[in-house]
Full PDB file with SEQRES, HELIX, SHEET, SSBOND, CRYST1, ORIGX, SCALE, CONECT and MASTER records, all heavy atoms in Angstrom:
SEQRES   1 A   36  HIS VAL LEU ARG VAL LEU GLY ALA MET SER ASN MET VAL          
SEQRES   2 A   36  LYS ALA GLN LYS MET PRO PRO VAL THR ARG SER THR HIS          
SEQRES   3 A   36  ARG CYS ARG ASP CYS GLU PHE LYS ASN TYR                      
HELIX    1 AA1 VAL A    2  ALA A   15  1                                  14    
HELIX    2 AA2 THR A   25  ASP A   30  5                                   6    
CRYST1    1.000    1.000    1.000  90.00  90.00  90.00 P 1           1          
ORIGX1      1.000000  0.000000  0.000000        0.00000                         
ORIGX2      0.000000  1.000000  0.000000        0.00000                         
ORIGX3      0.000000  0.000000  1.000000        0.00000                         
SCALE1      1.000000  0.000000  0.000000        0.00000                         
SCALE2      0.000000  1.000000  0.000000        0.00000                         
SCALE3      0.000000  0.000000  1.000000        0.00000                         
ATOM      1  N   HIS A   1     104.240 121.128  98.802  1.00  0.00           N  
ATOM      2  CA  HIS A   1     103.360 119.967  99.005  1.00  0.00           C  
ATOM      3  C   HIS A   1     103.796 119.165 100.230  1.00  0.00           C  
ATOM      4  O   HIS A   1     102.986 118.703 101.024  1.00  0.00           O  
ATOM      5  CB  HIS A   1     103.295 119.089  97.756  1.00  0.00           C  
ATOM      6  CG  HIS A   1     102.290 117.987  97.863  1.00  0.00           C  
ATOM      7  ND1 HIS A   1     100.952 118.227  97.787  1.00  0.00           N  
ATOM      8  CD2 HIS A   1     102.422 116.635  98.080  1.00  0.00           C  
ATOM      9  CE1 HIS A   1     100.288 117.087  97.932  1.00  0.00           C  
ATOM     10  NE2 HIS A   1     101.169 116.109  98.101  1.00  0.00           N  
ATOM     11  N   VAL A   2     105.110 118.977 100.353  1.00  0.00           N  
ATOM     12  CA  VAL A   2     105.646 118.293 101.536  1.00  0.00           C  
ATOM     13  C   VAL A   2     105.207 118.964 102.821  1.00  0.00           C  
ATOM     14  O   VAL A   2     104.807 118.360 103.808  1.00  0.00           O  
ATOM     15  CB  VAL A   2     107.166 118.138 101.490  1.00  0.00           C  
ATOM     16  CG1 VAL A   2     107.735 117.663 102.827  1.00  0.00           C  
ATOM     17  CG2 VAL A   2     107.540 117.119 100.362  1.00  0.00           C  
ATOM     18  N   LEU A   3     105.336 120.310 102.839  1.00  0.00           N  
ATOM     19  CA  LEU A   3     104.913 121.066 104.034  1.00  0.00           C  
ATOM     20  C   LEU A   3     103.421 120.902 104.299  1.00  0.00           C  
ATOM     21  O   LEU A   3     103.019 120.792 105.462  1.00  0.00           O  
ATOM     22  CB  LEU A   3     105.252 122.546 103.841  1.00  0.00           C  
ATOM     23  CG  LEU A   3     106.790 122.909 103.771  1.00  0.00           C  
ATOM     24  CD1 LEU A   3     106.907 124.383 103.579  1.00  0.00           C  
ATOM     25  CD2 LEU A   3     107.516 122.464 105.041  1.00  0.00           C  
ATOM     26  N   ARG A   4     102.637 120.886 103.270  1.00  0.00           N  
ATOM     27  CA  ARG A   4     101.192 120.688 103.469  1.00  0.00           C  
ATOM     28  C   ARG A   4     100.900 119.316 104.021  1.00  0.00           C  
ATOM     29  O   ARG A   4     100.008 119.151 104.897  1.00  0.00           O  
ATOM     30  CB  ARG A   4     100.452 120.853 102.113  1.00  0.00           C  
ATOM     31  CG  ARG A   4     100.390 122.307 101.653  1.00  0.00           C  
ATOM     32  CD  ARG A   4      99.845 122.426 100.239  1.00  0.00           C  
ATOM     33  NE  ARG A   4      99.735 123.809  99.828  1.00  0.00           N  
ATOM     34  CZ  ARG A   4      99.607 124.225  98.584  1.00  0.00           C  
ATOM     35  NH1 ARG A   4      99.545 123.296  97.602  1.00  0.00           N  
ATOM     36  NH2 ARG A   4      99.503 125.497  98.290  1.00  0.00           N  
ATOM     37  N   VAL A   5     101.600 118.263 103.556  1.00  0.00           N  
ATOM     38  CA  VAL A   5     101.410 116.941 104.098  1.00  0.00           C  
ATOM     39  C   VAL A   5     101.808 116.884 105.551  1.00  0.00           C  
ATOM     40  O   VAL A   5     101.105 116.309 106.393  1.00  0.00           O  
ATOM     41  CB  VAL A   5     102.239 115.911 103.282  1.00  0.00           C  
ATOM     42  CG1 VAL A   5     102.220 114.542 103.983  1.00  0.00           C  
ATOM     43  CG2 VAL A   5     101.636 115.794 101.885  1.00  0.00           C  
ATOM     44  N   LEU A   6     102.941 117.518 105.891  1.00  0.00           N  
ATOM     45  CA  LEU A   6     103.359 117.569 107.322  1.00  0.00           C  
ATOM     46  C   LEU A   6     102.308 118.253 108.138  1.00  0.00           C  
ATOM     47  O   LEU A   6     102.033 117.858 109.296  1.00  0.00           O  
ATOM     48  CB  LEU A   6     104.705 118.249 107.397  1.00  0.00           C  
ATOM     49  CG  LEU A   6     105.910 117.460 106.906  1.00  0.00           C  
ATOM     50  CD1 LEU A   6     107.167 118.319 106.895  1.00  0.00           C  
ATOM     51  CD2 LEU A   6     106.173 116.241 107.820  1.00  0.00           C  
ATOM     52  N   GLY A   7     101.771 119.353 107.601  1.00  0.00           N  
ATOM     53  CA  GLY A   7     100.729 120.046 108.372  1.00  0.00           C  
ATOM     54  C   GLY A   7      99.502 119.232 108.558  1.00  0.00           C  
ATOM     55  O   GLY A   7      98.889 119.190 109.654  1.00  0.00           O  
ATOM     56  N   ALA A   8      99.084 118.513 107.538  1.00  0.00           N  
ATOM     57  CA  ALA A   8      97.901 117.596 107.625  1.00  0.00           C  
ATOM     58  C   ALA A   8      98.138 116.502 108.598  1.00  0.00           C  
ATOM     59  O   ALA A   8      97.256 116.163 109.456  1.00  0.00           O  
ATOM     60  CB  ALA A   8      97.560 117.048 106.265  1.00  0.00           C  
ATOM     61  N   MET A   9      99.332 115.933 108.634  1.00  0.00           N  
ATOM     62  CA  MET A   9      99.662 114.897 109.602  1.00  0.00           C  
ATOM     63  C   MET A   9      99.629 115.421 111.049  1.00  0.00           C  
ATOM     64  O   MET A   9      99.084 114.771 111.944  1.00  0.00           O  
ATOM     65  CB  MET A   9     101.082 114.323 109.289  1.00  0.00           C  
ATOM     66  CG  MET A   9     101.088 113.435 108.058  1.00  0.00           C  
ATOM     67  SD  MET A   9     102.717 113.120 107.342  1.00  0.00           S  
ATOM     68  CE  MET A   9     103.664 112.690 108.786  1.00  0.00           C  
ATOM     69  N   SER A  10     100.191 116.598 111.241  1.00  0.00           N  
ATOM     70  CA  SER A  10     100.169 117.183 112.581  1.00  0.00           C  
ATOM     71  C   SER A  10      98.752 117.487 113.049  1.00  0.00           C  
ATOM     72  O   SER A  10      98.393 117.210 114.216  1.00  0.00           O  
ATOM     73  CB  SER A  10     100.988 118.501 112.562  1.00  0.00           C  
ATOM     74  OG  SER A  10     102.351 118.274 112.320  1.00  0.00           O  
ATOM     75  N   ASN A  11      97.921 118.022 112.126  1.00  0.00           N  
ATOM     76  CA  ASN A  11      96.536 118.289 112.472  1.00  0.00           C  
ATOM     77  C   ASN A  11      95.779 117.046 112.867  1.00  0.00           C  
ATOM     78  O   ASN A  11      94.941 117.023 113.794  1.00  0.00           O  
ATOM     79  CB  ASN A  11      95.836 119.036 111.341  1.00  0.00           C  
ATOM     80  CG  ASN A  11      96.358 120.410 111.132  1.00  0.00           C  
ATOM     81  OD1 ASN A  11      96.893 121.057 112.054  1.00  0.00           O  
ATOM     82  ND2 ASN A  11      96.239 120.957 109.947  1.00  0.00           N  
ATOM     83  N   MET A  12      96.039 115.964 112.142  1.00  0.00           N  
ATOM     84  CA  MET A  12      95.354 114.726 112.391  1.00  0.00           C  
ATOM     85  C   MET A  12      95.742 114.187 113.782  1.00  0.00           C  
ATOM     86  O   MET A  12      94.889 113.717 114.552  1.00  0.00           O  
ATOM     87  CB  MET A  12      95.676 113.665 111.335  1.00  0.00           C  
ATOM     88  CG  MET A  12      94.917 112.352 111.546  1.00  0.00           C  
ATOM     89  SD  MET A  12      95.477 111.095 110.380  1.00  0.00           S  
ATOM     90  CE  MET A  12      97.092 110.764 111.022  1.00  0.00           C  
ATOM     91  N   VAL A  13      97.005 114.238 114.097  1.00  0.00           N  
ATOM     92  CA  VAL A  13      97.504 113.732 115.381  1.00  0.00           C  
ATOM     93  C   VAL A  13      96.918 114.602 116.492  1.00  0.00           C  
ATOM     94  O   VAL A  13      96.468 114.038 117.554  1.00  0.00           O  
ATOM     95  CB  VAL A  13      99.047 113.745 115.433  1.00  0.00           C  
ATOM     96  CG1 VAL A  13      99.541 113.474 116.848  1.00  0.00           C  
ATOM     97  CG2 VAL A  13      99.625 112.728 114.452  1.00  0.00           C  
ATOM     98  N   LYS A  14      96.875 115.901 116.324  1.00  0.00           N  
ATOM     99  CA  LYS A  14      96.323 116.769 117.373  1.00  0.00           C  
ATOM    100  C   LYS A  14      94.821 116.542 117.532  1.00  0.00           C  
ATOM    101  O   LYS A  14      94.326 116.560 118.662  1.00  0.00           O  
ATOM    102  CB  LYS A  14      96.600 118.249 117.010  1.00  0.00           C  
ATOM    103  CG  LYS A  14      98.104 118.619 117.242  1.00  0.00           C  
ATOM    104  CD  LYS A  14      98.344 120.076 117.072  1.00  0.00           C  
ATOM    105  CE  LYS A  14      98.136 120.556 115.662  1.00  0.00           C  
ATOM    106  NZ  LYS A  14      98.459 121.979 115.497  1.00  0.00           N  
ATOM    107  N   ALA A  15      94.110 116.371 116.423  1.00  0.00           N  
ATOM    108  CA  ALA A  15      92.653 116.149 116.507  1.00  0.00           C  
ATOM    109  C   ALA A  15      92.294 114.740 116.985  1.00  0.00           C  
ATOM    110  O   ALA A  15      91.193 114.547 117.481  1.00  0.00           O  
ATOM    111  CB  ALA A  15      92.040 116.403 115.138  1.00  0.00           C  
ATOM    112  N   GLN A  16      93.253 113.810 116.875  1.00  0.00           N  
ATOM    113  CA  GLN A  16      92.983 112.417 117.266  1.00  0.00           C  
ATOM    114  C   GLN A  16      91.783 111.810 116.592  1.00  0.00           C  
ATOM    115  O   GLN A  16      90.975 111.115 117.214  1.00  0.00           O  
ATOM    116  CB  GLN A  16      92.920 112.330 118.792  1.00  0.00           C  
ATOM    117  CG  GLN A  16      94.192 112.743 119.471  1.00  0.00           C  
ATOM    118  CD  GLN A  16      94.197 112.452 120.961  1.00  0.00           C  
ATOM    119  OE1 GLN A  16      93.277 111.853 121.517  1.00  0.00           O  
ATOM    120  NE2 GLN A  16      95.260 112.792 121.635  1.00  0.00           N  
ATOM    121  N   LYS A  17      91.623 112.111 115.312  1.00  0.00           N  
ATOM    122  CA  LYS A  17      90.438 111.662 114.563  1.00  0.00           C  
ATOM    123  C   LYS A  17      90.886 110.744 113.451  1.00  0.00           C  
ATOM    124  O   LYS A  17      91.769 111.076 112.679  1.00  0.00           O  
ATOM    125  CB  LYS A  17      89.698 112.876 114.004  1.00  0.00           C  
ATOM    126  CG  LYS A  17      88.428 112.483 113.233  1.00  0.00           C  
ATOM    127  CD  LYS A  17      87.677 113.683 112.719  1.00  0.00           C  
ATOM    128  CE  LYS A  17      86.409 113.281 112.008  1.00  0.00           C  
ATOM    129  NZ  LYS A  17      85.705 114.505 111.427  1.00  0.00           N  
ATOM    130  N   MET A  18      90.269 109.550 113.365  1.00  0.00           N  
ATOM    131  CA  MET A  18      90.638 108.611 112.330  1.00  0.00           C  
ATOM    132  C   MET A  18      90.240 109.140 110.965  1.00  0.00           C  
ATOM    133  O   MET A  18      89.092 109.532 110.760  1.00  0.00           O  
ATOM    134  CB  MET A  18      89.977 107.239 112.570  1.00  0.00           C  
ATOM    135  CG  MET A  18      90.355 106.217 111.527  1.00  0.00           C  
ATOM    136  SD  MET A  18      89.489 104.619 111.724  1.00  0.00           S  
ATOM    137  CE  MET A  18      90.418 103.924 113.080  1.00  0.00           C  
ATOM    138  N   PRO A  19      91.189 109.174 110.039  1.00  0.00           N  
ATOM    139  CA  PRO A  19      90.867 109.659 108.698  1.00  0.00           C  
ATOM    140  C   PRO A  19      90.113 108.575 107.884  1.00  0.00           C  
ATOM    141  O   PRO A  19      90.084 107.427 108.266  1.00  0.00           O  
ATOM    142  CB  PRO A  19      92.265 109.913 108.116  1.00  0.00           C  
ATOM    143  CG  PRO A  19      93.154 108.937 108.807  1.00  0.00           C  
ATOM    144  CD  PRO A  19      92.596 108.823 110.203  1.00  0.00           C  
ATOM    145  N   PRO A  20      89.564 108.970 106.747  1.00  0.00           N  
ATOM    146  CA  PRO A  20      88.847 107.972 105.884  1.00  0.00           C  
ATOM    147  C   PRO A  20      89.847 106.952 105.391  1.00  0.00           C  
ATOM    148  O   PRO A  20      91.055 107.147 105.309  1.00  0.00           O  
ATOM    149  CB  PRO A  20      88.315 108.857 104.736  1.00  0.00           C  
ATOM    150  CG  PRO A  20      88.308 110.248 105.212  1.00  0.00           C  
ATOM    151  CD  PRO A  20      89.453 110.344 106.206  1.00  0.00           C  
ATOM    152  N   VAL A  21      89.293 105.784 105.033  1.00  0.00           N  
ATOM    153  CA  VAL A  21      90.123 104.690 104.524  1.00  0.00           C  
ATOM    154  C   VAL A  21      90.581 105.108 103.109  1.00  0.00           C  
ATOM    155  O   VAL A  21      89.931 105.908 102.421  1.00  0.00           O  
ATOM    156  CB  VAL A  21      89.301 103.402 104.468  1.00  0.00           C  
ATOM    157  CG1 VAL A  21      88.188 103.448 103.448  1.00  0.00           C  
ATOM    158  CG2 VAL A  21      90.243 102.192 104.143  1.00  0.00           C  
ATOM    159  N   THR A  22      91.737 104.566 102.701  1.00  0.00           N  
ATOM    160  CA  THR A  22      92.269 104.854 101.329  1.00  0.00           C  
ATOM    161  C   THR A  22      91.262 104.397 100.308  1.00  0.00           C  
ATOM    162  O   THR A  22      90.577 103.394 100.466  1.00  0.00           O  
ATOM    163  CB  THR A  22      93.619 104.169 101.155  1.00  0.00           C  
ATOM    164  OG1 THR A  22      94.063 104.398  99.800  1.00  0.00           O  
ATOM    165  CG2 THR A  22      93.553 102.662 101.326  1.00  0.00           C  
ATOM    166  N   ARG A  23      91.209 105.145  99.192  1.00  0.00           N  
ATOM    167  CA  ARG A  23      90.341 104.745  98.081  1.00  0.00           C  
ATOM    168  C   ARG A  23      90.846 103.530  97.362  1.00  0.00           C  
ATOM    169  O   ARG A  23      90.055 102.788  96.740  1.00  0.00           O  
ATOM    170  CB  ARG A  23      90.188 105.927  97.090  1.00  0.00           C  
ATOM    171  CG  ARG A  23      89.508 107.154  97.665  1.00  0.00           C  
ATOM    172  CD  ARG A  23      89.406 108.270  96.661  1.00  0.00           C  
ATOM    173  NE  ARG A  23      88.778 109.440  97.192  1.00  0.00           N  
ATOM    174  CZ  ARG A  23      88.612 110.587  96.510  1.00  0.00           C  
ATOM    175  NH1 ARG A  23      89.064 110.660  95.253  1.00  0.00           N  
ATOM    176  NH2 ARG A  23      88.034 111.634  97.093  1.00  0.00           N  
ATOM    177  N   SER A  24      92.144 103.314  97.456  1.00  0.00           N  
ATOM    178  CA  SER A  24      92.772 102.139  96.771  1.00  0.00           C  
ATOM    179  C   SER A  24      92.826 100.977  97.776  1.00  0.00           C  
ATOM    180  O   SER A  24      93.882 100.695  98.364  1.00  0.00           O  
ATOM    181  CB  SER A  24      94.170 102.513  96.270  1.00  0.00           C  
ATOM    182  OG  SER A  24      94.112 103.632  95.403  1.00  0.00           O  
ATOM    183  N   THR A  25      91.730 100.294  97.953  1.00  0.00           N  
ATOM    184  CA  THR A  25      91.650  99.298  98.978  1.00  0.00           C  
ATOM    185  C   THR A  25      92.509  98.083  98.723  1.00  0.00           C  
ATOM    186  O   THR A  25      92.734  97.238  99.625  1.00  0.00           O  
ATOM    187  CB  THR A  25      90.204  98.863  99.190  1.00  0.00           C  
ATOM    188  OG1 THR A  25      89.595  98.457  97.946  1.00  0.00           O  
ATOM    189  CG2 THR A  25      89.366  99.981  99.783  1.00  0.00           C  
ATOM    190  N   HIS A  26      93.013  97.916  97.466  1.00  0.00           N  
ATOM    191  CA  HIS A  26      93.926  96.799  97.183  1.00  0.00           C  
ATOM    192  C   HIS A  26      95.215  96.958  98.030  1.00  0.00           C  
ATOM    193  O   HIS A  26      95.928  95.985  98.254  1.00  0.00           O  
ATOM    194  CB  HIS A  26      94.249  96.720  95.701  1.00  0.00           C  
ATOM    195  CG  HIS A  26      95.062  97.900  95.218  1.00  0.00           C  
ATOM    196  ND1 HIS A  26      94.495  99.082  94.826  1.00  0.00           N  
ATOM    197  CD2 HIS A  26      96.406  98.057  95.030  1.00  0.00           C  
ATOM    198  CE1 HIS A  26      95.397  99.908  94.434  1.00  0.00           C  
ATOM    199  NE2 HIS A  26      96.576  99.340  94.531  1.00  0.00           N  
ATOM    200  N   ARG A  27      95.508  98.209  98.460  1.00  0.00           N  
ATOM    201  CA  ARG A  27      96.700  98.410  99.304  1.00  0.00           C  
ATOM    202  C   ARG A  27      96.534  97.793 100.672  1.00  0.00           C  
ATOM    203  O   ARG A  27      97.564  97.593 101.374  1.00  0.00           O  
ATOM    204  CB  ARG A  27      96.922  99.948  99.444  1.00  0.00           C  
ATOM    205  CG  ARG A  27      97.203 100.631  98.135  1.00  0.00           C  
ATOM    206  CD  ARG A  27      97.293 102.129  98.354  1.00  0.00           C  
ATOM    207  NE  ARG A  27      97.701 102.855  97.140  1.00  0.00           N  
ATOM    208  CZ  ARG A  27      97.762 104.147  96.980  1.00  0.00           C  
ATOM    209  NH1 ARG A  27      97.409 104.954  98.024  1.00  0.00           N  
ATOM    210  NH2 ARG A  27      98.164 104.690  95.909  1.00  0.00           N  
ATOM    211  N   CYS A  28      95.346  97.477 101.085  1.00  0.00           N  
ATOM    212  CA  CYS A  28      95.117  96.975 102.409  1.00  0.00           C  
ATOM    213  C   CYS A  28      95.491  95.497 102.559  1.00  0.00           C  
ATOM    214  O   CYS A  28      95.670  95.001 103.677  1.00  0.00           O  
ATOM    215  CB  CYS A  28      93.615  97.122 102.795  1.00  0.00           C  
ATOM    216  SG  CYS A  28      92.994  98.804 102.607  1.00  0.00           S  
ATOM    217  N   ARG A  29      95.700  94.841 101.418  1.00  0.00           N  
ATOM    218  CA  ARG A  29      95.951  93.386 101.451  1.00  0.00           C  
ATOM    219  C   ARG A  29      97.126  92.982 102.350  1.00  0.00           C  
ATOM    220  O   ARG A  29      97.058  92.058 103.117  1.00  0.00           O  
ATOM    221  CB  ARG A  29      96.125  92.872 100.030  1.00  0.00           C  
ATOM    222  CG  ARG A  29      96.186  91.337  99.920  1.00  0.00           C  
ATOM    223  CD  ARG A  29      96.380  90.913  98.482  1.00  0.00           C  
ATOM    224  NE  ARG A  29      95.359  91.542  97.619  1.00  0.00           N  
ATOM    225  CZ  ARG A  29      95.637  92.392  96.613  1.00  0.00           C  
ATOM    226  NH1 ARG A  29      96.889  92.772  96.402  1.00  0.00           N  
ATOM    227  NH2 ARG A  29      94.689  92.861  95.850  1.00  0.00           N  
ATOM    228  N   ASP A  30      98.211  93.723 102.237  1.00  0.00           N  
ATOM    229  CA  ASP A  30      99.397  93.401 102.958  1.00  0.00           C  
ATOM    230  C   ASP A  30      99.744  94.356 104.070  1.00  0.00           C  
ATOM    231  O   ASP A  30     100.838  94.439 104.593  1.00  0.00           O  
ATOM    232  CB  ASP A  30     100.654  93.383 101.992  1.00  0.00           C  
ATOM    233  CG  ASP A  30     100.515  92.304 100.929  1.00  0.00           C  
ATOM    234  OD1 ASP A  30     100.080  91.178 101.298  1.00  0.00           O  
ATOM    235  OD2 ASP A  30     100.848  92.561  99.774  1.00  0.00           O  
ATOM    236  N   CYS A  31      98.730  95.136 104.510  1.00  0.00           N  
ATOM    237  CA  CYS A  31      98.954  96.191 105.537  1.00  0.00           C  
ATOM    238  C   CYS A  31      99.126  95.543 106.904  1.00  0.00           C  
ATOM    239  O   CYS A  31      98.413  94.648 107.311  1.00  0.00           O  
ATOM    240  CB  CYS A  31      97.770  97.149 105.519  1.00  0.00           C  
ATOM    241  SG  CYS A  31      97.943  98.460 106.775  1.00  0.00           S  
ATOM    242  N   GLU A  32     100.100  96.081 107.647  1.00  0.00           N  
ATOM    243  CA  GLU A  32     100.369  95.582 109.001  1.00  0.00           C  
ATOM    244  C   GLU A  32      99.259  95.938 109.995  1.00  0.00           C  
ATOM    245  O   GLU A  32      99.143  95.376 111.070  1.00  0.00           O  
ATOM    246  CB  GLU A  32     101.685  96.147 109.477  1.00  0.00           C  
ATOM    247  CG  GLU A  32     101.736  97.682 109.540  1.00  0.00           C  
ATOM    248  CD  GLU A  32     103.107  98.208 109.846  1.00  0.00           C  
ATOM    249  OE1 GLU A  32     103.774  97.666 110.765  1.00  0.00           O  
ATOM    250  OE2 GLU A  32     103.519  99.157 109.168  1.00  0.00           O  
ATOM    251  N   PHE A  33      98.363  96.909 109.641  1.00  0.00           N  
ATOM    252  CA  PHE A  33      97.263  97.306 110.492  1.00  0.00           C  
ATOM    253  C   PHE A  33      95.936  96.802 110.020  1.00  0.00           C  
ATOM    254  O   PHE A  33      94.901  97.262 110.553  1.00  0.00           O  
ATOM    255  CB  PHE A  33      97.244  98.825 110.607  1.00  0.00           C  
ATOM    256  CG  PHE A  33      98.509  99.448 111.156  1.00  0.00           C  
ATOM    257  CD1 PHE A  33      99.317 100.264 110.386  1.00  0.00           C  
ATOM    258  CD2 PHE A  33      98.867  99.222 112.470  1.00  0.00           C  
ATOM    259  CE1 PHE A  33     100.517 100.762 110.898  1.00  0.00           C  
ATOM    260  CE2 PHE A  33     100.057  99.728 113.006  1.00  0.00           C  
ATOM    261  CZ  PHE A  33     100.875 100.517 112.197  1.00  0.00           C  
ATOM    262  N   LYS A  34      95.898  95.896 109.108  1.00  0.00           N  
ATOM    263  CA  LYS A  34      94.652  95.415 108.545  1.00  0.00           C  
ATOM    264  C   LYS A  34      93.678  94.900 109.581  1.00  0.00           C  
ATOM    265  O   LYS A  34      92.474  95.161 109.493  1.00  0.00           O  
ATOM    266  CB  LYS A  34      94.960  94.329 107.508  1.00  0.00           C  
ATOM    267  CG  LYS A  34      93.720  93.752 106.835  1.00  0.00           C  
ATOM    268  CD  LYS A  34      94.092  92.675 105.795  1.00  0.00           C  
ATOM    269  CE  LYS A  34      92.879  92.112 105.117  1.00  0.00           C  
ATOM    270  NZ  LYS A  34      93.244  91.092 104.112  1.00  0.00           N  
ATOM    271  N   ASN A  35      94.167  94.230 110.583  1.00  0.00           N  
ATOM    272  CA  ASN A  35      93.275  93.688 111.588  1.00  0.00           C  
ATOM    273  C   ASN A  35      92.627  94.690 112.505  1.00  0.00           C  
ATOM    274  O   ASN A  35      91.662  94.384 113.196  1.00  0.00           O  
ATOM    275  CB  ASN A  35      94.013  92.635 112.477  1.00  0.00           C  
ATOM    276  CG  ASN A  35      94.471  91.437 111.710  1.00  0.00           C  
ATOM    277  OD1 ASN A  35      93.915  91.102 110.641  1.00  0.00           O  
ATOM    278  ND2 ASN A  35      95.466  90.736 112.188  1.00  0.00           N  
ATOM    279  N   TYR A  36      93.162  95.946 112.490  1.00  0.00           N  
ATOM    280  CA  TYR A  36      92.619  96.959 113.375  1.00  0.00           C  
ATOM    281  C   TYR A  36      91.774  98.030 112.620  1.00  0.00           C  
ATOM    282  O   TYR A  36      91.151  98.861 113.244  1.00  0.00           O  
ATOM    283  CB  TYR A  36      93.776  97.717 114.098  1.00  0.00           C  
ATOM    284  CG  TYR A  36      94.666  96.807 114.840  1.00  0.00           C  
ATOM    285  CD1 TYR A  36      95.862  96.348 114.287  1.00  0.00           C  
ATOM    286  CD2 TYR A  36      94.352  96.304 116.122  1.00  0.00           C  
ATOM    287  CE1 TYR A  36      96.692  95.485 114.997  1.00  0.00           C  
ATOM    288  CE2 TYR A  36      95.155  95.434 116.792  1.00  0.00           C  
ATOM    289  CZ  TYR A  36      96.339  95.039 116.229  1.00  0.00           C  
ATOM    290  OH  TYR A  36      97.197  94.191 116.928  1.00  0.00           O  
TER     291      TYR A  36                                                      
MASTER        0    0    0    2    0    0    0    6  290    1    0    3          
END                                                                             
């Protein structure tokens, strides 16, 4: 699973495509990137 996550991260960086927002939006409250 760790290898799959690393692969997904690499693919996202290479594709330069913004992923969907997290389903647990309560996590966004204290996020350092909330304003962006």
